[in-house]
Amino acid sequence: MLTKTGAPTQEPLQIGTNGSPPEAGAVRIDAVAHSFGELLALDGLSLKAAPHEVLGIVGPSGCGKSTLLELVAGLHEPGSGRIEVEGRAEGAQRLQRCAYMPQRDLLLPWMTALDNAALALRNRGVRRAAARAQAAPLFERFGLAGFEGSHPNELSGGMRQRVAFLRTLVAGKPVLLLDEPFASLDAITRGEMQSWLGGALAENPRTVIFVTHDVEEALYLSDRVAVLSARPGRVTELLETSDPRTADRAAAITSPGFVAQRESAMRALAEGARNGG
């Protein structure tokens, strides 16, 4: 795992909602509801993510998946209910523990790939040389060796997403929030990136909450998959996956067990779409 630069500030011991000290990287979402004006986006949603678990979230468009990630990240406070990250419920404390990767890679065009990957460290006050030194070794491990000095317009879509993920990972946060990270890629590149991300998470374990419209992607990359209803989003089914990320992707997604899980998830999605609102 990556080490953080600088000594962390000491905080009082936090107690989780069950009365015991929280686990590192644990996320707890209890009865969360959230509205935008008169529009109810989420209603009574409860989920947990254990340390180093990859929790996939799928659901119809507009069901509040991205809103949920923004709430967990501390970018907003829920209208009601409670969200804890490592036992901390205050928005600023959640933000301190979460790295959020939005749908677009948002690489800065005037910066090299290496400087984009090191940006989170620079934002924390790490000097440029030290930030580069921490990010550079990951380029070879993540298949980007030789492209450290390239600018975003010189990289393929898949390579840009790798740099964006590196930037998220280098931030050193215990929780990664990924919002449709491969949505803009073609089918072949998307499949390659799923295999790559599975390997990256195996080498660099984090607690991950992963939003996608792609059921197959969620089942392949996740330990569990939460299926949400149509707006307002509620959990309609929680699926345990079998051997996620451990096998060759082509073999994994064509196995009988995986196909059965995919059919079950699709049925849950269809039912949730009918019964939402």
C-alpha atoms as a PDB file:
ATOM      1  CA  MET A   1       0.000   0.000   0.000  1.00  0.00           C
ATOM      2  CA  LEU A   2       1.115   3.560  -0.559  1.00  0.00           C
ATOM      3  CA  THR A   3       2.414   5.537   2.385  1.00  0.00           C
ATOM      4  CA  LYS A   4       1.190   9.008   3.172  1.00  0.00           C
ATOM      5  CA  THR A   5       3.600  11.909   3.244  1.00  0.00           C
ATOM      6  CA  GLY A   6       3.802  13.869   6.454  1.00  0.00           C
ATOM      7  CA  ALA A   7       2.621  12.851   9.902  1.00  0.00           C
ATOM      8  CA  PRO A   8      -1.139  12.700  10.363  1.00  0.00           C
ATOM      9  CA  THR A   9      -2.725  14.926  12.938  1.00  0.00           C
ATOM     10  CA  GLN A  10      -3.955  13.144  16.039  1.00  0.00           C
ATOM     11  CA  GLU A  11      -7.715  13.021  16.535  1.00  0.00           C
ATOM     12  CA  PRO A  12      -9.717  11.818  19.507  1.00  0.00           C
ATOM     13  CA  LEU A  13     -10.740   8.174  19.363  1.00  0.00           C
ATOM     14  CA  GLN A  14     -14.030   7.922  17.472  1.00  0.00           C
ATOM     15  CA  ILE A  15     -16.756   5.473  18.410  1.00  0.00           C
ATOM     16  CA  GLY A  16     -18.946   3.984  15.698  1.00  0.00           C
ATOM     17  CA  THR A  17     -22.709   3.699  15.880  1.00  0.00           C
ATOM     18  CA  ASN A  18     -22.408   0.194  17.362  1.00  0.00           C
ATOM     19  CA  GLY A  19     -20.409   1.551  20.320  1.00  0.00           C
ATOM     20  CA  SER A  20     -17.039   0.123  19.261  1.00  0.00           C
ATOM     21  CA  PRO A  21     -14.002   1.805  17.642  1.00  0.00           C
ATOM     22  CA  PRO A  22     -14.448   2.040  13.845  1.00  0.00           C
ATOM     23  CA  GLU A  23     -12.452  -0.121  11.454  1.00  0.00           C
ATOM     24  CA  ALA A  24      -9.922   1.564   9.194  1.00  0.00           C
ATOM     25  CA  GLY A  25     -11.545   2.201   5.816  1.00  0.00           C
ATOM     26  CA  ALA A  26     -15.038   1.161   6.912  1.00  0.00           C
ATOM     27  CA  VAL A  27     -18.019   3.052   5.469  1.00  0.00           C
ATOM     28  CA  ARG A  28     -21.471   3.000   7.025  1.00  0.00           C
ATOM     29  CA  ILE A  29     -24.599   4.523   5.463  1.00  0.00           C
ATOM     30  CA  ASP A  30     -27.696   4.487   7.679  1.00  0.00           C
ATOM     31  CA  ALA A  31     -31.215   5.392   6.502  1.00  0.00           C
ATOM     32  CA  VAL A  32     -29.989   8.197   4.239  1.00  0.00           C
ATOM     33  CA  ALA A  33     -32.488  10.370   2.393  1.00  0.00           C
ATOM     34  CA  HIS A  34     -31.594  13.358   0.249  1.00  0.00           C
ATOM     35  CA  SER A  35     -33.548  15.821  -1.850  1.00  0.00           C
ATOM     36  CA  PHE A  36     -32.833  18.526  -4.385  1.00  0.00           C
ATOM     37  CA  GLY A  37     -35.639  20.981  -3.749  1.00  0.00           C
ATOM     38  CA  GLU A  38     -38.852  19.009  -4.213  1.00  0.00           C
ATOM     39  CA  LEU A  39     -37.046  16.132  -5.940  1.00  0.00           C
ATOM     40  CA  LEU A  40     -36.368  13.194  -3.624  1.00  0.00           C
ATOM     41  CA  ALA A  41     -33.189  11.491  -4.908  1.00  0.00           C
ATOM     42  CA  LEU A  42     -32.504   8.922  -2.154  1.00  0.00           C
ATOM     43  CA  ASP A  43     -34.887   7.537   0.431  1.00  0.00           C
ATOM     44  CA  GLY A  44     -33.997   5.380   3.437  1.00  0.00           C
ATOM     45  CA  LEU A  45     -30.833   3.953   1.874  1.00  0.00           C
ATOM     46  CA  SER A  46     -28.578   1.848   4.116  1.00  0.00           C
ATOM     47  CA  LEU A  47     -25.302   0.147   3.145  1.00  0.00           C
ATOM     48  CA  LYS A  48     -21.989  -0.865   4.672  1.00  0.00           C
ATOM     49  CA  ALA A  49     -18.582  -1.329   3.099  1.00  0.00           C
ATOM     50  CA  ALA A  50     -16.011  -3.295   5.066  1.00  0.00           C
ATOM     51  CA  PRO A  51     -12.302  -2.404   5.001  1.00  0.00           C
ATOM     52  CA  HIS A  52     -10.762  -3.265   1.604  1.00  0.00           C
ATOM     53  CA  GLU A  53     -14.135  -4.358   0.233  1.00  0.00           C
ATOM     54  CA  VAL A  54     -15.173  -3.316  -3.269  1.00  0.00           C
ATOM     55  CA  LEU A  55     -18.859  -2.441  -3.152  1.00  0.00           C
ATOM     56  CA  GLY A  56     -20.470  -2.017  -6.566  1.00  0.00           C
ATOM     57  CA  ILE A  57     -23.624   0.061  -7.008  1.00  0.00           C
ATOM     58  CA  VAL A  58     -25.894  -0.302 -10.026  1.00  0.00           C
ATOM     59  CA  GLY A  59     -29.291   1.160 -10.764  1.00  0.00           C
ATOM     60  CA  PRO A  60     -31.379   3.001 -13.373  1.00  0.00           C
ATOM     61  CA  SER A  61     -30.282   6.427 -14.581  1.00  0.00           C
ATOM     62  CA  GLY A  62     -31.295   9.154 -12.158  1.00  0.00           C
ATOM     63  CA  CYS A  63     -31.626   6.870  -9.130  1.00  0.00           C
ATOM     64  CA  GLY A  64     -29.074   8.802  -7.058  1.00  0.00           C
ATOM     65  CA  LYS A  65     -25.915   6.712  -7.516  1.00  0.00           C
ATOM     66  CA  SER A  66     -23.604   9.682  -8.108  1.00  0.00           C
ATOM     67  CA  THR A  67     -25.384  11.675  -5.407  1.00  0.00           C
ATOM     68  CA  LEU A  68     -24.625   8.882  -2.949  1.00  0.00           C
ATOM     69  CA  LEU A  69     -20.899   9.045  -3.758  1.00  0.00           C
ATOM     70  CA  GLU A  70     -20.893  12.820  -3.278  1.00  0.00           C
ATOM     71  CA  LEU A  71     -22.566  12.387   0.108  1.00  0.00           C
ATOM     72  CA  VAL A  72     -20.094   9.738   1.234  1.00  0.00           C
ATOM     73  CA  ALA A  73     -17.218  11.965   0.085  1.00  0.00           C
ATOM     74  CA  GLY A  74     -18.463  14.786   2.307  1.00  0.00           C
ATOM     75  CA  LEU A  75     -19.191  17.120  -0.603  1.00  0.00           C
ATOM     76  CA  HIS A  76     -22.748  17.455   0.760  1.00  0.00           C
ATOM     77  CA  GLU A  77     -24.537  16.472   3.952  1.00  0.00           C
ATOM     78  CA  PRO A  78     -27.506  14.082   3.686  1.00  0.00           C
ATOM     79  CA  GLY A  79     -30.952  15.525   4.218  1.00  0.00           C
ATOM     80  CA  SER A  80     -31.527  12.875   6.879  1.00  0.00           C
ATOM     81  CA  GLY A  81     -29.802   9.751   8.109  1.00  0.00           C
ATOM     82  CA  ARG A  82     -26.107   9.320   8.870  1.00  0.00           C
ATOM     83  CA  ILE A  83     -22.936   8.518   6.928  1.00  0.00           C
ATOM     84  CA  GLU A  84     -19.713   7.486   8.653  1.00  0.00           C
ATOM     85  CA  VAL A  85     -16.256   6.953   7.154  1.00  0.00           C
ATOM     86  CA  GLU A  86     -13.958   5.333   9.709  1.00  0.00           C
ATOM     87  CA  GLY A  87     -16.486   6.385  12.341  1.00  0.00           C
ATOM     88  CA  ARG A  88     -16.397  10.072  11.349  1.00  0.00           C
ATOM     89  CA  ALA A  89     -19.705  11.592  10.359  1.00  0.00           C
ATOM     90  CA  GLU A  90     -18.806  15.235   9.767  1.00  0.00           C
ATOM     91  CA  GLY A  91     -18.524  16.158   6.084  1.00  0.00           C
ATOM     92  CA  ALA A  92     -15.005  17.590   6.339  1.00  0.00           C
ATOM     93  CA  GLN A  93     -13.820  14.474   8.155  1.00  0.00           C
ATOM     94  CA  ARG A  94     -15.341  12.195   5.519  1.00  0.00           C
ATOM     95  CA  LEU A  95     -13.696  14.233   2.769  1.00  0.00           C
ATOM     96  CA  GLN A  96     -10.341  13.857   4.504  1.00  0.00           C
ATOM     97  CA  ARG A  97     -10.624  10.067   4.211  1.00  0.00           C
ATOM     98  CA  CYS A  98     -12.085   9.719   0.700  1.00  0.00           C
ATOM     99  CA  ALA A  99     -10.588  10.108  -2.773  1.00  0.00           C
ATOM    100  CA  TYR A 100     -13.293  10.778  -5.369  1.00  0.00           C
ATOM    101  CA  MET A 101     -12.802   9.930  -9.048  1.00  0.00           C
ATOM    102  CA  PRO A 102     -15.593  11.434 -11.222  1.00  0.00           C
ATOM    103  CA  GLN A 103     -16.772  10.155 -14.599  1.00  0.00           C
ATOM    104  CA  ARG A 104     -14.447  12.441 -16.600  1.00  0.00           C
ATOM    105  CA  ASP A 105     -10.712  12.081 -16.065  1.00  0.00           C
ATOM    106  CA  LEU A 106     -10.298  15.864 -15.546  1.00  0.00           C
ATOM    107  CA  LEU A 107      -6.585  15.733 -16.335  1.00  0.00           C
ATOM    108  CA  LEU A 108      -5.039  19.196 -16.615  1.00  0.00           C
ATOM    109  CA  PRO A 109      -3.968  19.595 -20.268  1.00  0.00           C
ATOM    110  CA  TRP A 110      -0.922  21.756 -19.540  1.00  0.00           C
ATOM    111  CA  MET A 111       0.551  19.197 -17.123  1.00  0.00           C
ATOM    112  CA  THR A 112       2.439  16.029 -17.953  1.00  0.00           C
ATOM    113  CA  ALA A 113       1.014  12.636 -17.007  1.00  0.00           C
ATOM    114  CA  LEU A 114       3.424  12.442 -14.074  1.00  0.00           C
ATOM    115  CA  ASP A 115       2.470  15.855 -12.744  1.00  0.00           C
ATOM    116  CA  ASN A 116      -1.235  15.043 -13.150  1.00  0.00           C
ATOM    117  CA  ALA A 117      -0.753  11.817 -11.181  1.00  0.00           C
ATOM    118  CA  ALA A 118       1.098  13.694  -8.430  1.00  0.00           C
ATOM    119  CA  LEU A 119      -1.451  16.519  -8.233  1.00  0.00           C
ATOM    120  CA  ALA A 120      -3.152  15.300  -5.050  1.00  0.00           C
ATOM    121  CA  LEU A 121       0.199  15.330  -3.262  1.00  0.00           C
ATOM    122  CA  ARG A 122       0.998  18.825  -4.544  1.00  0.00           C
ATOM    123  CA  ASN A 123      -2.373  20.014  -3.259  1.00  0.00           C
ATOM    124  CA  ARG A 124      -1.375  18.749   0.188  1.00  0.00           C
ATOM    125  CA  GLY A 125       1.772  20.856   0.136  1.00  0.00           C
ATOM    126  CA  VAL A 126       4.266  18.204  -0.992  1.00  0.00           C
ATOM    127  CA  ARG A 127       7.087  19.709  -3.038  1.00  0.00           C
ATOM    128  CA  ARG A 128       7.081  18.970  -6.750  1.00  0.00           C
ATOM    129  CA  ALA A 129      10.189  16.779  -6.747  1.00  0.00           C
ATOM    130  CA  ALA A 130       8.963  14.711  -3.789  1.00  0.00           C
ATOM    131  CA  ALA A 131       5.487  14.322  -5.308  1.00  0.00           C
ATOM    132  CA  ARG A 132       6.964  13.170  -8.606  1.00  0.00           C
ATOM    133  CA  ALA A 133       9.267  10.734  -6.815  1.00  0.00           C
ATOM    134  CA  GLN A 134       6.302   9.139  -5.056  1.00  0.00           C
ATOM    135  CA  ALA A 135       4.124   8.874  -8.163  1.00  0.00           C
ATOM    136  CA  ALA A 136       6.796   7.836 -10.699  1.00  0.00           C
ATOM    137  CA  PRO A 137       7.327   4.195  -9.564  1.00  0.00           C
ATOM    138  CA  LEU A 138       3.649   3.444 -10.173  1.00  0.00           C
ATOM    139  CA  PHE A 139       3.875   4.234 -13.882  1.00  0.00           C
ATOM    140  CA  GLU A 140       5.710   1.008 -14.662  1.00  0.00           C
ATOM    141  CA  ARG A 141       3.454  -1.092 -12.433  1.00  0.00           C
ATOM    142  CA  PHE A 142       0.361   0.341 -14.114  1.00  0.00           C
ATOM    143  CA  GLY A 143       1.585  -0.019 -17.693  1.00  0.00           C
ATOM    144  CA  LEU A 144       2.448   3.634 -18.233  1.00  0.00           C
ATOM    145  CA  ALA A 145       6.255   3.476 -18.250  1.00  0.00           C
ATOM    146  CA  GLY A 146       7.699   5.839 -20.831  1.00  0.00           C
ATOM    147  CA  PHE A 147       4.670   8.164 -20.801  1.00  0.00           C
ATOM    148  CA  GLU A 148       5.548  10.168 -17.682  1.00  0.00           C
ATOM    149  CA  GLY A 149       6.376  13.240 -19.786  1.00  0.00           C
ATOM    150  CA  SER A 150       3.394  12.959 -22.137  1.00  0.00           C
ATOM    151  CA  HIS A 151       0.512  15.417 -21.996  1.00  0.00           C
ATOM    152  CA  PRO A 152      -3.122  14.240 -21.834  1.00  0.00           C
ATOM    153  CA  ASN A 153      -3.769  14.900 -25.545  1.00  0.00           C
ATOM    154  CA  GLU A 154      -0.958  12.446 -26.354  1.00  0.00           C
ATOM    155  CA  LEU A 155      -2.548   9.596 -24.386  1.00  0.00           C
ATOM    156  CA  SER A 156      -5.265   7.121 -25.354  1.00  0.00           C
ATOM    157  CA  GLY A 157      -8.544   7.087 -23.451  1.00  0.00           C
ATOM    158  CA  GLY A 158      -7.516   4.037 -21.442  1.00  0.00           C
ATOM    159  CA  MET A 159      -4.160   5.587 -20.555  1.00  0.00           C
ATOM    160  CA  ARG A 160      -5.839   8.802 -19.433  1.00  0.00           C
ATOM    161  CA  GLN A 161      -8.094   6.785 -17.124  1.00  0.00           C
ATOM    162  CA  ARG A 162      -5.059   5.016 -15.672  1.00  0.00           C
ATOM    163  CA  VAL A 163      -3.425   8.342 -14.921  1.00  0.00           C
ATOM    164  CA  ALA A 164      -6.652   9.574 -13.321  1.00  0.00           C
ATOM    165  CA  PHE A 165      -6.820   6.434 -11.184  1.00  0.00           C
ATOM    166  CA  LEU A 166      -3.163   6.857 -10.211  1.00  0.00           C
ATOM    167  CA  ARG A 167      -3.940  10.413  -9.099  1.00  0.00           C
ATOM    168  CA  THR A 168      -6.780   9.036  -6.969  1.00  0.00           C
ATOM    169  CA  LEU A 169      -4.619   6.278  -5.520  1.00  0.00           C
ATOM    170  CA  VAL A 170      -1.592   8.469  -4.804  1.00  0.00           C
ATOM    171  CA  ALA A 171      -3.796  10.676  -2.627  1.00  0.00           C
ATOM    172  CA  GLY A 172      -3.285   7.972   0.018  1.00  0.00           C
ATOM    173  CA  LYS A 173      -6.894   7.963   1.227  1.00  0.00           C
ATOM    174  CA  PRO A 174      -8.337   4.744   2.704  1.00  0.00           C
ATOM    175  CA  VAL A 175     -11.592   4.996   0.706  1.00  0.00           C
ATOM    176  CA  LEU A 176     -11.871   5.329  -3.077  1.00  0.00           C
ATOM    177  CA  LEU A 177     -15.124   6.517  -4.642  1.00  0.00           C
ATOM    178  CA  LEU A 178     -15.264   5.717  -8.370  1.00  0.00           C
ATOM    179  CA  ASP A 179     -18.100   7.174 -10.447  1.00  0.00           C
ATOM    180  CA  GLU A 180     -18.445   5.394 -13.818  1.00  0.00           C
ATOM    181  CA  PRO A 181     -14.674   5.552 -14.434  1.00  0.00           C
ATOM    182  CA  PHE A 182     -14.846   3.698 -17.773  1.00  0.00           C
ATOM    183  CA  ALA A 183     -18.132   5.031 -19.152  1.00  0.00           C
ATOM    184  CA  SER A 184     -16.476   7.005 -21.962  1.00  0.00           C
ATOM    185  CA  LEU A 185     -14.388   4.103 -23.291  1.00  0.00           C
ATOM    186  CA  ASP A 186     -15.173   1.757 -26.174  1.00  0.00           C
ATOM    187  CA  ALA A 187     -16.155  -1.823 -25.327  1.00  0.00           C
ATOM    188  CA  ILE A 188     -12.730  -3.383 -25.996  1.00  0.00           C
ATOM    189  CA  THR A 189     -10.817  -0.757 -24.023  1.00  0.00           C
ATOM    190  CA  ARG A 190     -13.396  -0.922 -21.239  1.00  0.00           C
ATOM    191  CA  GLY A 191     -12.884  -4.664 -20.869  1.00  0.00           C
ATOM    192  CA  GLU A 192      -9.117  -4.187 -20.768  1.00  0.00           C
ATOM    193  CA  MET A 193      -9.477  -1.485 -18.127  1.00  0.00           C
ATOM    194  CA  GLN A 194     -11.704  -3.696 -15.989  1.00  0.00           C
ATOM    195  CA  SER A 195      -8.984  -6.363 -15.956  1.00  0.00           C
ATOM    196  CA  TRP A 196      -6.388  -3.716 -15.203  1.00  0.00           C
ATOM    197  CA  LEU A 197      -8.382  -2.169 -12.355  1.00  0.00           C
ATOM    198  CA  GLY A 198      -8.977  -5.595 -10.815  1.00  0.00           C
ATOM    199  CA  GLY A 199      -5.232  -6.180 -10.725  1.00  0.00           C
ATOM    200  CA  ALA A 200      -4.512  -2.678  -9.421  1.00  0.00           C
ATOM    201  CA  LEU A 201      -6.932  -3.128  -6.534  1.00  0.00           C
ATOM    202  CA  ALA A 202      -5.431  -6.519  -5.697  1.00  0.00           C
ATOM    203  CA  GLU A 203      -1.969  -4.916  -5.458  1.00  0.00           C
ATOM    204  CA  ASN A 204      -3.164  -1.741  -3.716  1.00  0.00           C
ATOM    205  CA  PRO A 205      -6.171  -2.697  -1.560  1.00  0.00           C
ATOM    206  CA  ARG A 206      -8.561   0.051  -0.560  1.00  0.00           C
ATOM    207  CA  THR A 207     -12.177   0.250   0.453  1.00  0.00           C
ATOM    208  CA  VAL A 208     -13.926   1.063  -2.833  1.00  0.00           C
ATOM    209  CA  ILE A 209     -17.471   2.175  -3.599  1.00  0.00           C
ATOM    210  CA  PHE A 210     -17.900   1.840  -7.320  1.00  0.00           C
ATOM    211  CA  VAL A 211     -20.831   3.225  -9.332  1.00  0.00           C
ATOM    212  CA  THR A 212     -21.570   1.869 -12.807  1.00  0.00           C
ATOM    213  CA  HIS A 213     -24.442   1.289 -15.230  1.00  0.00           C
ATOM    214  CA  ASP A 214     -22.727  -1.907 -16.408  1.00  0.00           C
ATOM    215  CA  VAL A 215     -23.944  -4.930 -14.417  1.00  0.00           C
ATOM    216  CA  GLU A 216     -21.208  -7.169 -15.827  1.00  0.00           C
ATOM    217  CA  GLU A 217     -18.559  -4.638 -14.803  1.00  0.00           C
ATOM    218  CA  ALA A 218     -19.979  -4.386 -11.285  1.00  0.00           C
ATOM    219  CA  LEU A 219     -20.106  -8.163 -10.817  1.00  0.00           C
ATOM    220  CA  TYR A 220     -16.580  -8.667 -12.139  1.00  0.00           C
ATOM    221  CA  LEU A 221     -14.912  -5.948 -10.062  1.00  0.00           C
ATOM    222  CA  SER A 222     -16.920  -6.036  -6.828  1.00  0.00           C
ATOM    223  CA  ASP A 223     -17.119  -8.206  -3.731  1.00  0.00           C
ATOM    224  CA  ARG A 224     -20.798  -7.273  -3.365  1.00  0.00           C
ATOM    225  CA  VAL A 225     -23.207  -5.409  -5.613  1.00  0.00           C
ATOM    226  CA  ALA A 226     -26.044  -3.219  -4.359  1.00  0.00           C
ATOM    227  CA  VAL A 227     -28.949  -2.867  -6.791  1.00  0.00           C
ATOM    228  CA  LEU A 228     -30.883   0.401  -6.435  1.00  0.00           C
ATOM    229  CA  SER A 229     -34.457   1.128  -7.419  1.00  0.00           C
ATOM    230  CA  ALA A 230     -35.534   3.944  -9.702  1.00  0.00           C
ATOM    231  CA  ARG A 231     -35.681   7.370  -8.052  1.00  0.00           C
ATOM    232  CA  PRO A 232     -35.827   7.762  -5.152  1.00  0.00           C
ATOM    233  CA  GLY A 233     -32.965   5.299  -4.813  1.00  0.00           C
ATOM    234  CA  ARG A 234     -33.394   2.460  -2.340  1.00  0.00           C
ATOM    235  CA  VAL A 235     -31.466  -0.811  -2.055  1.00  0.00           C
ATOM    236  CA  THR A 236     -33.634  -3.538  -3.577  1.00  0.00           C
ATOM    237  CA  GLU A 237     -31.079  -6.348  -3.542  1.00  0.00           C
ATOM    238  CA  LEU A 238     -27.538  -6.982  -2.294  1.00  0.00           C
ATOM    239  CA  LEU A 239     -25.659  -9.607  -4.299  1.00  0.00           C
ATOM    240  CA  GLU A 240     -22.584 -11.523  -3.119  1.00  0.00           C
ATOM    241  CA  THR A 241     -20.189 -12.154  -6.008  1.00  0.00           C
ATOM    242  CA  SER A 242     -18.050 -15.254  -6.485  1.00  0.00           C
ATOM    243  CA  ASP A 243     -14.261 -14.965  -6.773  1.00  0.00           C
ATOM    244  CA  PRO A 244     -14.228 -11.357  -7.989  1.00  0.00           C
ATOM    245  CA  ARG A 245     -11.108 -10.179  -9.827  1.00  0.00           C
ATOM    246  CA  THR A 246      -9.309 -13.483  -9.282  1.00  0.00           C
ATOM    247  CA  ALA A 247      -9.686 -15.091 -12.722  1.00  0.00           C
ATOM    248  CA  ASP A 248      -9.074 -14.127 -16.309  1.00  0.00           C
ATOM    249  CA  ARG A 249     -11.881 -11.734 -17.215  1.00  0.00           C
ATOM    250  CA  ALA A 250     -12.991 -13.622 -20.343  1.00  0.00           C
ATOM    251  CA  ALA A 251     -13.218 -16.872 -18.380  1.00  0.00           C
ATOM    252  CA  ALA A 252     -14.863 -15.196 -15.392  1.00  0.00           C
ATOM    253  CA  ILE A 253     -17.693 -13.451 -17.234  1.00  0.00           C
ATOM    254  CA  THR A 254     -18.623 -16.577 -19.223  1.00  0.00           C
ATOM    255  CA  SER A 255     -18.678 -18.978 -16.270  1.00  0.00           C
ATOM    256  CA  PRO A 256     -22.118 -20.444 -15.393  1.00  0.00           C
ATOM    257  CA  GLY A 257     -22.055 -18.900 -11.924  1.00  0.00           C
ATOM    258  CA  PHE A 258     -21.303 -15.448 -13.274  1.00  0.00           C
ATOM    259  CA  VAL A 259     -23.992 -15.703 -15.947  1.00  0.00           C
ATOM    260  CA  ALA A 260     -26.537 -16.705 -13.280  1.00  0.00           C
ATOM    261  CA  GLN A 261     -25.518 -13.751 -11.122  1.00  0.00           C
ATOM    262  CA  ARG A 262     -25.842 -11.403 -14.069  1.00  0.00           C
ATOM    263  CA  GLU A 263     -29.352 -12.658 -14.784  1.00  0.00           C
ATOM    264  CA  SER A 264     -30.292 -12.240 -11.121  1.00  0.00           C
ATOM    265  CA  ALA A 265     -28.954  -8.684 -11.097  1.00  0.00           C
ATOM    266  CA  MET A 266     -30.819  -7.813 -14.299  1.00  0.00           C
ATOM    267  CA  ARG A 267     -34.071  -9.130 -12.810  1.00  0.00           C
ATOM    268  CA  ALA A 268     -33.489  -7.063  -9.675  1.00  0.00           C
ATOM    269  CA  LEU A 269     -32.820  -3.973 -11.804  1.00  0.00           C
ATOM    270  CA  ALA A 270     -35.986  -4.487 -13.827  1.00  0.00           C
ATOM    271  CA  GLU A 271     -38.063  -4.992 -10.694  1.00  0.00           C
ATOM    272  CA  GLY A 272     -36.510  -1.942  -9.026  1.00  0.00           C
ATOM    273  CA  ALA A 273     -37.245   0.188 -12.093  1.00  0.00           C
ATOM    274  CA  ARG A 274     -40.906  -0.865 -11.970  1.00  0.00           C
ATOM    275  CA  ASN A 275     -41.300  -0.349  -8.226  1.00  0.00           C
ATOM    276  CA  GLY A 276     -39.296   2.882  -7.794  1.00  0.00           C
ATOM    277  CA  GLY A 277     -40.746   6.325  -7.202  1.00  0.00           C
END
